[in-house]
PDB file of N, CA and C in Angstrom:
ATOM      1  N   MET A   1       0.642  -0.550   0.185  1.00  0.00           N
ATOM      2  CA  MET A   1      -0.119  -0.088  -0.165  1.00  0.00           C
ATOM      3  C   MET A   1       0.732   1.102   0.257  1.00  0.00           C
ATOM      4  N   SER A   2       0.428   1.791  -0.429  1.00  0.00           N
ATOM      5  CA  SER A   2       1.314   3.128  -1.435  1.00  0.00           C
ATOM      6  C   SER A   2       1.062   4.429   0.080  1.00  0.00           C
ATOM      7  N   ASP A   3       1.831   5.342   0.782  1.00  0.00           N
ATOM      8  CA  ASP A   3       1.677   6.514   1.590  1.00  0.00           C
ATOM      9  C   ASP A   3       1.298   7.576   0.543  1.00  0.00           C
ATOM     10  N   GLU A   4       1.751   7.420  -0.252  1.00  0.00           N
ATOM     11  CA  GLU A   4       1.154   8.776  -1.370  1.00  0.00           C
ATOM     12  C   GLU A   4      -0.534   9.426  -1.248  1.00  0.00           C
ATOM     13  N   PHE A   5      -0.105  10.793  -1.046  1.00  0.00           N
ATOM     14  CA  PHE A   5      -1.616  11.337  -1.347  1.00  0.00           C
ATOM     15  C   PHE A   5      -2.445  11.117  -1.833  1.00  0.00           C
ATOM     16  N   VAL A   6      -3.704  10.028  -2.492  1.00  0.00           N
ATOM     17  CA  VAL A   6      -4.628  10.893  -3.377  1.00  0.00           C
ATOM     18  C   VAL A   6      -5.785  11.146  -2.903  1.00  0.00           C
ATOM     19  N   PRO A   7      -5.954  12.483  -3.810  1.00  0.00           N
ATOM     20  CA  PRO A   7      -7.093  13.354  -3.547  1.00  0.00           C
ATOM     21  C   PRO A   7      -8.241  12.643  -3.585  1.00  0.00           C
ATOM     22  N   PRO A   8      -9.301  12.778  -2.786  1.00  0.00           N
ATOM     23  CA  PRO A   8     -10.458  12.772  -3.384  1.00  0.00           C
ATOM     24  C   PRO A   8     -11.381  13.446  -5.010  1.00  0.00           C
ATOM     25  N   PRO A   9     -11.892  13.077  -5.603  1.00  0.00           N
ATOM     26  CA  PRO A   9     -12.583  13.608  -7.211  1.00  0.00           C
ATOM     27  C   PRO A   9     -12.545  14.695  -6.611  1.00  0.00           C
ATOM     28  N   ASP A  10     -12.474  15.498  -6.641  1.00  0.00           N
ATOM     29  CA  ASP A  10     -12.379  17.479  -7.035  1.00  0.00           C
ATOM     30  C   ASP A  10     -11.722  17.612  -7.718  1.00  0.00           C
ATOM     31  N   PRO A  11     -12.166  19.136  -8.601  1.00  0.00           N
ATOM     32  CA  PRO A  11     -11.316  19.668  -9.792  1.00  0.00           C
ATOM     33  C   PRO A  11     -10.252  20.292  -8.939  1.00  0.00           C
ATOM     34  N   ILE A  12     -10.651  21.057  -7.598  1.00  0.00           N
ATOM     35  CA  ILE A  12      -9.501  22.140  -7.412  1.00  0.00           C
ATOM     36  C   ILE A  12      -9.078  21.283  -6.575  1.00  0.00           C
ATOM     37  N   PHE A  13      -8.703  20.115  -5.854  1.00  0.00           N
ATOM     38  CA  PHE A  13      -7.985  19.512  -6.396  1.00  0.00           C
ATOM     39  C   PHE A  13      -6.830  19.253  -6.971  1.00  0.00           C
ATOM     40  N   ALA A  14      -7.573  18.631  -7.752  1.00  0.00           N
ATOM     41  CA  ALA A  14      -6.888  18.306  -9.297  1.00  0.00           C
ATOM     42  C   ALA A  14      -5.992  19.785  -9.794  1.00  0.00           C
ATOM     43  N   GLU A  15      -6.731  20.661  -9.577  1.00  0.00           N
ATOM     44  CA  GLU A  15      -5.325  22.052  -9.987  1.00  0.00           C
ATOM     45  C   GLU A  15      -4.669  22.548  -8.986  1.00  0.00           C
ATOM     46  N   ALA A  16      -5.040  21.842  -7.727  1.00  0.00           N
ATOM     47  CA  ALA A  16      -3.651  22.145  -6.772  1.00  0.00           C
ATOM     48  C   ALA A  16      -2.304  21.214  -6.798  1.00  0.00           C
ATOM     49  N   LEU A  17      -2.860  20.414  -7.606  1.00  0.00           N
ATOM     50  CA  LEU A  17      -1.780  19.217  -7.987  1.00  0.00           C
ATOM     51  C   LEU A  17      -0.957  19.623  -8.901  1.00  0.00           C
ATOM     52  N   LYS A  18      -1.517  20.656  -9.973  1.00  0.00           N
ATOM     53  CA  LYS A  18      -0.707  20.896 -11.000  1.00  0.00           C
ATOM     54  C   LYS A  18       0.425  21.947 -10.587  1.00  0.00           C
ATOM     55  N   VAL A  19       0.316  22.598  -8.975  1.00  0.00           N
ATOM     56  CA  VAL A  19       1.116  23.949  -8.978  1.00  0.00           C
ATOM     57  C   VAL A  19       2.763  23.185  -9.138  1.00  0.00           C
ATOM     58  N   LYS A  20       3.473  23.816  -9.650  1.00  0.00           N
ATOM     59  CA  LYS A  20       4.682  23.965 -10.012  1.00  0.00           C
ATOM     60  C   LYS A  20       5.712  24.605  -9.564  1.00  0.00           C
ATOM     61  N   ASP A  21       4.897  26.374  -9.931  1.00  0.00           N
ATOM     62  CA  ASP A  21       5.523  27.307  -9.580  1.00  0.00           C
ATOM     63  C   ASP A  21       4.990  28.428  -9.007  1.00  0.00           C
ATOM     64  N   GLU A  22       5.770  29.860  -9.122  1.00  0.00           N
ATOM     65  CA  GLU A  22       4.489  30.812  -8.726  1.00  0.00           C
ATOM     66  C   GLU A  22       3.686  31.242  -9.835  1.00  0.00           C
ATOM     67  N   LYS A  23       4.090  30.667 -11.392  1.00  0.00           N
ATOM     68  CA  LYS A  23       2.609  31.341 -12.240  1.00  0.00           C
ATOM     69  C   LYS A  23       1.837  30.680 -12.132  1.00  0.00           C
ATOM     70  N   SER A  24       1.690  28.628 -11.400  1.00  0.00           N
ATOM     71  CA  SER A  24       1.053  28.150 -11.434  1.00  0.00           C
ATOM     72  C   SER A  24      -0.143  28.169 -10.477  1.00  0.00           C
ATOM     73  N   PHE A  25       0.699  28.421  -9.050  1.00  0.00           N
ATOM     74  CA  PHE A  25       0.278  28.907  -8.020  1.00  0.00           C
ATOM     75  C   PHE A  25      -0.926  29.680  -8.081  1.00  0.00           C
ATOM     76  N   VAL A  26      -0.545  31.366  -8.765  1.00  0.00           N
ATOM     77  CA  VAL A  26      -1.232  32.024  -9.196  1.00  0.00           C
ATOM     78  C   VAL A  26      -2.817  31.497  -9.711  1.00  0.00           C
ATOM     79  N   HIS A  27      -2.607  30.782 -10.541  1.00  0.00           N
ATOM     80  CA  HIS A  27      -3.521  29.992 -11.021  1.00  0.00           C
ATOM     81  C   HIS A  27      -4.735  29.263 -10.146  1.00  0.00           C
ATOM     82  N   PHE A  28      -3.872  28.750  -9.656  1.00  0.00           N
ATOM     83  CA  PHE A  28      -4.913  27.953  -8.394  1.00  0.00           C
ATOM     84  C   PHE A  28      -5.403  28.524  -7.804  1.00  0.00           C
ATOM     85  N   LEU A  29      -4.639  29.947  -7.367  1.00  0.00           N
ATOM     86  CA  LEU A  29      -5.531  30.810  -6.442  1.00  0.00           C
ATOM     87  C   LEU A  29      -6.981  31.453  -6.976  1.00  0.00           C
ATOM     88  N   LYS A  30      -6.727  31.812  -8.452  1.00  0.00           N
ATOM     89  CA  LYS A  30      -7.632  32.197  -8.997  1.00  0.00           C
ATOM     90  C   LYS A  30      -8.478  31.234  -9.123  1.00  0.00           C
ATOM     91  N   VAL A  31      -8.719  30.076  -9.640  1.00  0.00           N
ATOM     92  CA  VAL A  31      -9.276  29.029  -9.667  1.00  0.00           C
ATOM     93  C   VAL A  31     -10.141  28.788  -8.280  1.00  0.00           C
ATOM     94  N   LEU A  32      -9.221  29.193  -6.966  1.00  0.00           N
ATOM     95  CA  LEU A  32     -10.082  28.760  -5.796  1.00  0.00           C
ATOM     96  C   LEU A  32     -11.325  29.962  -5.799  1.00  0.00           C
ATOM     97  N   ARG A  33     -10.754  30.853  -5.888  1.00  0.00           N
ATOM     98  CA  ARG A  33     -11.498  32.388  -5.349  1.00  0.00           C
ATOM     99  C   ARG A  33     -12.808  32.117  -6.198  1.00  0.00           C
ATOM    100  N   ASP A  34     -13.274  31.523  -7.546  1.00  0.00           N
ATOM    101  CA  ASP A  34     -13.940  30.933  -8.280  1.00  0.00           C
ATOM    102  C   ASP A  34     -14.789  30.257  -7.862  1.00  0.00           C
ATOM    103  N   ASP A  35     -14.156  29.100  -6.918  1.00  0.00           N
ATOM    104  CA  ASP A  35     -14.865  28.025  -6.354  1.00  0.00           C
ATOM    105  C   ASP A  35     -15.538  28.606  -5.232  1.00  0.00           C
ATOM    106  N   TYR A  36     -14.631  29.787  -4.940  1.00  0.00           N
ATOM    107  CA  TYR A  36     -16.070  29.911  -3.605  1.00  0.00           C
ATOM    108  C   TYR A  36     -17.306  29.751  -3.412  1.00  0.00           C
ATOM    109  N   GLY A  37     -17.554  29.776  -2.785  1.00  0.00           N
ATOM    110  CA  GLY A  37     -19.587  29.771  -2.424  1.00  0.00           C
ATOM    111  C   GLY A  37     -20.406  28.583  -1.714  1.00  0.00           C
ATOM    112  N   ASP A  38     -21.311  28.792  -1.577  1.00  0.00           N
ATOM    113  CA  ASP A  38     -22.140  28.354  -0.908  1.00  0.00           C
ATOM    114  C   ASP A  38     -21.673  26.403  -0.166  1.00  0.00           C
ATOM    115  N   HIS A  39     -20.599  25.719  -1.480  1.00  0.00           N
ATOM    116  CA  HIS A  39     -20.619  24.755  -1.248  1.00  0.00           C
ATOM    117  C   HIS A  39     -19.440  24.552  -0.225  1.00  0.00           C
ATOM    118  N   TRP A  40     -18.760  25.504   0.278  1.00  0.00           N
ATOM    119  CA  TRP A  40     -17.589  25.361   1.390  1.00  0.00           C
ATOM    120  C   TRP A  40     -18.530  25.304   2.140  1.00  0.00           C
ATOM    121  N   GLU A  41     -17.014  24.019   3.132  1.00  0.00           N
ATOM    122  CA  GLU A  41     -17.843  23.927   4.482  1.00  0.00           C
ATOM    123  C   GLU A  41     -17.356  24.786   5.375  1.00  0.00           C
ATOM    124  N   SER A  42     -15.967  25.116   5.405  1.00  0.00           N
ATOM    125  CA  SER A  42     -15.889  26.509   6.082  1.00  0.00           C
ATOM    126  C   SER A  42     -16.668  27.468   5.931  1.00  0.00           C
ATOM    127  N   ARG A  43     -17.232  28.336   7.064  1.00  0.00           N
ATOM    128  CA  ARG A  43     -17.587  29.431   7.018  1.00  0.00           C
ATOM    129  C   ARG A  43     -16.893  30.697   7.052  1.00  0.00           C
ATOM    130  N   THR A  44     -15.956  30.759   8.130  1.00  0.00           N
ATOM    131  CA  THR A  44     -15.255  31.755   8.253  1.00  0.00           C
ATOM    132  C   THR A  44     -13.696  31.778   8.281  1.00  0.00           C
ATOM    133  N   PRO A  45     -13.035  32.606   8.525  1.00  0.00           N
ATOM    134  CA  PRO A  45     -11.566  32.169   8.082  1.00  0.00           C
ATOM    135  C   PRO A  45     -10.789  31.620   9.113  1.00  0.00           C
ATOM    136  N   ARG A  46     -11.527  31.647  10.249  1.00  0.00           N
ATOM    137  CA  ARG A  46     -10.784  30.805  11.563  1.00  0.00           C
ATOM    138  C   ARG A  46     -11.443  29.288  11.095  1.00  0.00           C
ATOM    139  N   GLU A  47     -12.413  28.879  11.005  1.00  0.00           N
ATOM    140  CA  GLU A  47     -12.603  27.901   9.926  1.00  0.00           C
ATOM    141  C   GLU A  47     -11.149  27.139   9.386  1.00  0.00           C
ATOM    142  N   PHE A  48     -11.818  27.904   8.186  1.00  0.00           N
ATOM    143  CA  PHE A  48     -10.733  27.734   6.858  1.00  0.00           C
ATOM    144  C   PHE A  48      -9.610  27.846   7.373  1.00  0.00           C
ATOM    145  N   LEU A  49      -8.901  28.320   8.228  1.00  0.00           N
ATOM    146  CA  LEU A  49      -7.282  28.467   8.838  1.00  0.00           C
ATOM    147  C   LEU A  49      -7.086  27.104   9.817  1.00  0.00           C
ATOM    148  N   GLY A  50      -7.906  26.961  10.537  1.00  0.00           N
ATOM    149  CA  GLY A  50      -8.022  25.948  11.278  1.00  0.00           C
ATOM    150  C   GLY A  50      -7.907  24.447  10.802  1.00  0.00           C
ATOM    151  N   THR A  51      -8.570  24.060   9.764  1.00  0.00           N
ATOM    152  CA  THR A  51      -8.619  23.093   8.970  1.00  0.00           C
ATOM    153  C   THR A  51      -7.274  23.012   8.322  1.00  0.00           C
ATOM    154  N   MET A  52      -7.103  24.078   7.437  1.00  0.00           N
ATOM    155  CA  MET A  52      -5.478  23.949   7.167  1.00  0.00           C
ATOM    156  C   MET A  52      -4.587  23.837   8.166  1.00  0.00           C
ATOM    157  N   ALA A  53      -4.227  24.309   9.417  1.00  0.00           N
ATOM    158  CA  ALA A  53      -3.822  24.140  10.335  1.00  0.00           C
ATOM    159  C   ALA A  53      -3.803  22.724  10.553  1.00  0.00           C
ATOM    160  N   TRP A  54      -5.233  21.844  10.870  1.00  0.00           N
ATOM    161  CA  TRP A  54      -5.267  20.511  11.317  1.00  0.00           C
ATOM    162  C   TRP A  54      -4.426  19.740  10.746  1.00  0.00           C
ATOM    163  N   TRP A  55      -4.734  19.853   9.117  1.00  0.00           N
ATOM    164  CA  TRP A  55      -3.942  18.833   7.822  1.00  0.00           C
ATOM    165  C   TRP A  55      -2.752  18.899   8.250  1.00  0.00           C
ATOM    166  N   GLY A  56      -2.136  20.464   7.831  1.00  0.00           N
ATOM    167  CA  GLY A  56      -0.528  20.234   7.582  1.00  0.00           C
ATOM    168  C   GLY A  56       0.060  20.292   9.099  1.00  0.00           C
ATOM    169  N   SER A  57      -0.753  19.738  10.409  1.00  0.00           N
ATOM    170  CA  SER A  57       0.221  19.900  11.482  1.00  0.00           C
ATOM    171  C   SER A  57       0.854  18.197  11.129  1.00  0.00           C
ATOM    172  N   GLY A  58      -0.128  16.999  10.539  1.00  0.00           N
ATOM    173  CA  GLY A  58       0.210  15.945  10.469  1.00  0.00           C
ATOM    174  C   GLY A  58       1.233  15.766   9.019  1.00  0.00           C
ATOM    175  N   ASP A  59       0.948  16.989   8.149  1.00  0.00           N
ATOM    176  CA  ASP A  59       1.532  16.978   7.004  1.00  0.00           C
ATOM    177  C   ASP A  59       3.175  17.459   7.375  1.00  0.00           C
ATOM    178  N   PHE A  60       3.089  18.401   7.959  1.00  0.00           N
ATOM    179  CA  PHE A  60       4.592  19.051   8.272  1.00  0.00           C
ATOM    180  C   PHE A  60       5.019  19.034   9.477  1.00  0.00           C
ATOM    181  N   ALA A  61       4.466  18.289  10.129  1.00  0.00           N
ATOM    182  CA  ALA A  61       4.911  17.706  11.654  1.00  0.00           C
ATOM    183  C   ALA A  61       6.383  17.823  11.981  1.00  0.00           C
ATOM    184  N   ASP A  62       6.735  17.352  10.711  1.00  0.00           N
ATOM    185  CA  ASP A  62       8.264  16.802  11.845  1.00  0.00           C
ATOM    186  C   ASP A  62       9.513  17.784  10.056  1.00  0.00           C
ATOM    187  N   GLY A  63       8.434  18.728   9.653  1.00  0.00           N
ATOM    188  CA  GLY A  63       9.171  19.933   8.978  1.00  0.00           C
ATOM    189  C   GLY A  63       9.894  19.402   7.460  1.00  0.00           C
ATOM    190  N   GLU A  64       9.253  18.080   6.816  1.00  0.00           N
ATOM    191  CA  GLU A  64       8.930  17.500   6.251  1.00  0.00           C
ATOM    192  C   GLU A  64       7.698  17.617   4.872  1.00  0.00           C
ATOM    193  N   HIS A  65       7.425  18.137   3.421  1.00  0.00           N
ATOM    194  CA  HIS A  65       6.247  18.311   3.039  1.00  0.00           C
ATOM    195  C   HIS A  65       6.209  17.242   1.754  1.00  0.00           C
ATOM    196  N   GLY A  66       7.091  16.155   2.073  1.00  0.00           N
ATOM    197  CA  GLY A  66       7.190  14.933   1.002  1.00  0.00           C
ATOM    198  C   GLY A  66       7.783  15.491  -0.221  1.00  0.00           C
ATOM    199  N   GLY A  67       8.602  15.418  -0.692  1.00  0.00           N
ATOM    200  CA  GLY A  67       9.524  16.404  -1.985  1.00  0.00           C
ATOM    201  C   GLY A  67       8.283  16.790  -3.100  1.00  0.00           C
ATOM    202  N   ASP A  68       7.030  17.404  -3.157  1.00  0.00           N
ATOM    203  CA  ASP A  68       6.817  18.044  -3.477  1.00  0.00           C
ATOM    204  C   ASP A  68       6.654  19.309  -3.717  1.00  0.00           C
ATOM    205  N   PRO A  69       6.929  19.838  -4.459  1.00  0.00           N
ATOM    206  CA  PRO A  69       6.884  21.440  -4.802  1.00  0.00           C
ATOM    207  C   PRO A  69       6.154  22.281  -3.763  1.00  0.00           C
ATOM    208  N   LEU A  70       6.847  23.134  -2.667  1.00  0.00           N
ATOM    209  CA  LEU A  70       6.111  23.517  -1.232  1.00  0.00           C
ATOM    210  C   LEU A  70       4.477  24.365  -2.035  1.00  0.00           C
ATOM    211  N   LEU A  71       5.306  24.553  -2.805  1.00  0.00           N
ATOM    212  CA  LEU A  71       3.388  25.870  -3.249  1.00  0.00           C
ATOM    213  C   LEU A  71       2.776  25.027  -3.446  1.00  0.00           C
ATOM    214  N   GLN A  72       2.915  23.746  -3.964  1.00  0.00           N
ATOM    215  CA  GLN A  72       2.022  23.144  -4.164  1.00  0.00           C
ATOM    216  C   GLN A  72       1.588  22.129  -2.912  1.00  0.00           C
ATOM    217  N   ARG A  73       2.282  21.967  -2.162  1.00  0.00           N
ATOM    218  CA  ARG A  73       1.967  21.644  -0.565  1.00  0.00           C
ATOM    219  C   ARG A  73       0.912  22.297  -0.151  1.00  0.00           C
ATOM    220  N   VAL A  74       0.967  23.954  -0.375  1.00  0.00           N
ATOM    221  CA  VAL A  74       0.426  24.873   0.500  1.00  0.00           C
ATOM    222  C   VAL A  74      -1.186  25.041  -0.815  1.00  0.00           C
ATOM    223  N   ALA A  75      -0.892  24.865  -1.915  1.00  0.00           N
ATOM    224  CA  ALA A  75      -1.963  24.899  -2.303  1.00  0.00           C
ATOM    225  C   ALA A  75      -2.867  23.988  -2.130  1.00  0.00           C
ATOM    226  N   VAL A  76      -2.579  22.380  -1.583  1.00  0.00           N
ATOM    227  CA  VAL A  76      -3.373  21.475  -1.060  1.00  0.00           C
ATOM    228  C   VAL A  76      -3.800  21.942   0.381  1.00  0.00           C
ATOM    229  N   MET A  77      -2.859  22.192   0.863  1.00  0.00           N
ATOM    230  CA  MET A  77      -3.722  22.670   2.170  1.00  0.00           C
ATOM    231  C   MET A  77      -4.635  23.976   2.252  1.00  0.00           C
ATOM    232  N   LEU A  78      -4.739  24.882   0.719  1.00  0.00           N
ATOM    233  CA  LEU A  78      -5.518  25.604   0.988  1.00  0.00           C
ATOM    234  C   LEU A  78      -6.527  24.834   0.454  1.00  0.00           C
ATOM    235  N   ALA A  79      -6.961  24.108  -0.692  1.00  0.00           N
ATOM    236  CA  ALA A  79      -7.775  22.874  -1.357  1.00  0.00           C
ATOM    237  C   ALA A  79      -8.603  22.823  -0.143  1.00  0.00           C
ATOM    238  N   VAL A  80      -7.909  22.113   0.855  1.00  0.00           N
ATOM    239  CA  VAL A  80      -8.393  21.255   2.353  1.00  0.00           C
ATOM    240  C   VAL A  80      -9.063  22.144   3.748  1.00  0.00           C
ATOM    241  N   GLY A  81      -8.789  23.423   3.040  1.00  0.00           N
ATOM    242  CA  GLY A  81      -9.148  24.298   4.285  1.00  0.00           C
ATOM    243  C   GLY A  81     -10.660  24.596   3.589  1.00  0.00           C
ATOM    244  N   ARG A  82     -11.347  24.485   2.090  1.00  0.00           N
ATOM    245  CA  ARG A  82     -12.685  24.499   2.060  1.00  0.00           C
ATOM    246  C   ARG A  82     -13.461  23.777   3.189  1.00  0.00           C
ATOM    247  N   THR A  83     -12.947  22.496   3.804  1.00  0.00           N
ATOM    248  CA  THR A  83     -13.517  21.487   4.314  1.00  0.00           C
ATOM    249  C   THR A  83     -13.952  21.955   5.958  1.00  0.00           C
ATOM    250  N   ARG A  84     -14.808  21.272   6.614  1.00  0.00           N
ATOM    251  CA  ARG A  84     -14.875  21.726   7.879  1.00  0.00           C
ATOM    252  C   ARG A  84     -14.156  20.583   8.386  1.00  0.00           C
ATOM    253  N   GLN A  85     -13.309  20.844   9.505  1.00  0.00           N
ATOM    254  CA  GLN A  85     -13.071  19.353  10.259  1.00  0.00           C
ATOM    255  C   GLN A  85     -13.052  19.530  11.731  1.00  0.00           C
ATOM    256  N   HIS A  86     -14.079  18.891  12.386  1.00  0.00           N
ATOM    257  CA  HIS A  86     -14.460  19.443  13.648  1.00  0.00           C
ATOM    258  C   HIS A  86     -13.774  19.490  14.761  1.00  0.00           C
ATOM    259  N   GLU A  87     -11.943  18.686  14.690  1.00  0.00           N
ATOM    260  CA  GLU A  87     -11.173  18.666  15.357  1.00  0.00           C
ATOM    261  C   GLU A  87     -10.833  19.693  15.943  1.00  0.00           C
ATOM    262  N   ASN A  88     -10.542  20.762  14.552  1.00  0.00           N
ATOM    263  CA  ASN A  88      -9.998  22.263  14.271  1.00  0.00           C
ATOM    264  C   ASN A  88     -10.422  22.889  15.782  1.00  0.00           C
ATOM    265  N   ASP A  89     -11.849  22.669  16.797  1.00  0.00           N
ATOM    266  CA  ASP A  89     -12.373  23.196  17.271  1.00  0.00           C
ATOM    267  C   ASP A  89     -11.870  23.829  18.562  1.00  0.00           C
ATOM    268  N   ASP A  90     -10.623  23.903  18.819  1.00  0.00           N
ATOM    269  CA  ASP A  90     -10.052  24.246  19.901  1.00  0.00           C
ATOM    270  C   ASP A  90      -9.434  25.765  19.748  1.00  0.00           C
TER     271      ASP A  90
END
């Protein structure tokens, strides 16, 4: 079994995984902005950032990011931020 991250079938995750440099990161940010709407589970910046921190604390806990381009990892964290994780209520 592979430890490689496999995102759910989600066009935003697909865009996040295409990030390789600053230009593609800016493109991703525009796609993420255009995706914003009622289907986002995070309703506040606190929830959004809390979910990013919750997910990233496992991913970046040892200062590693799996060898992927760092901006790609940040893009994935932003994509994850759209969801609402109840574990981030601390």
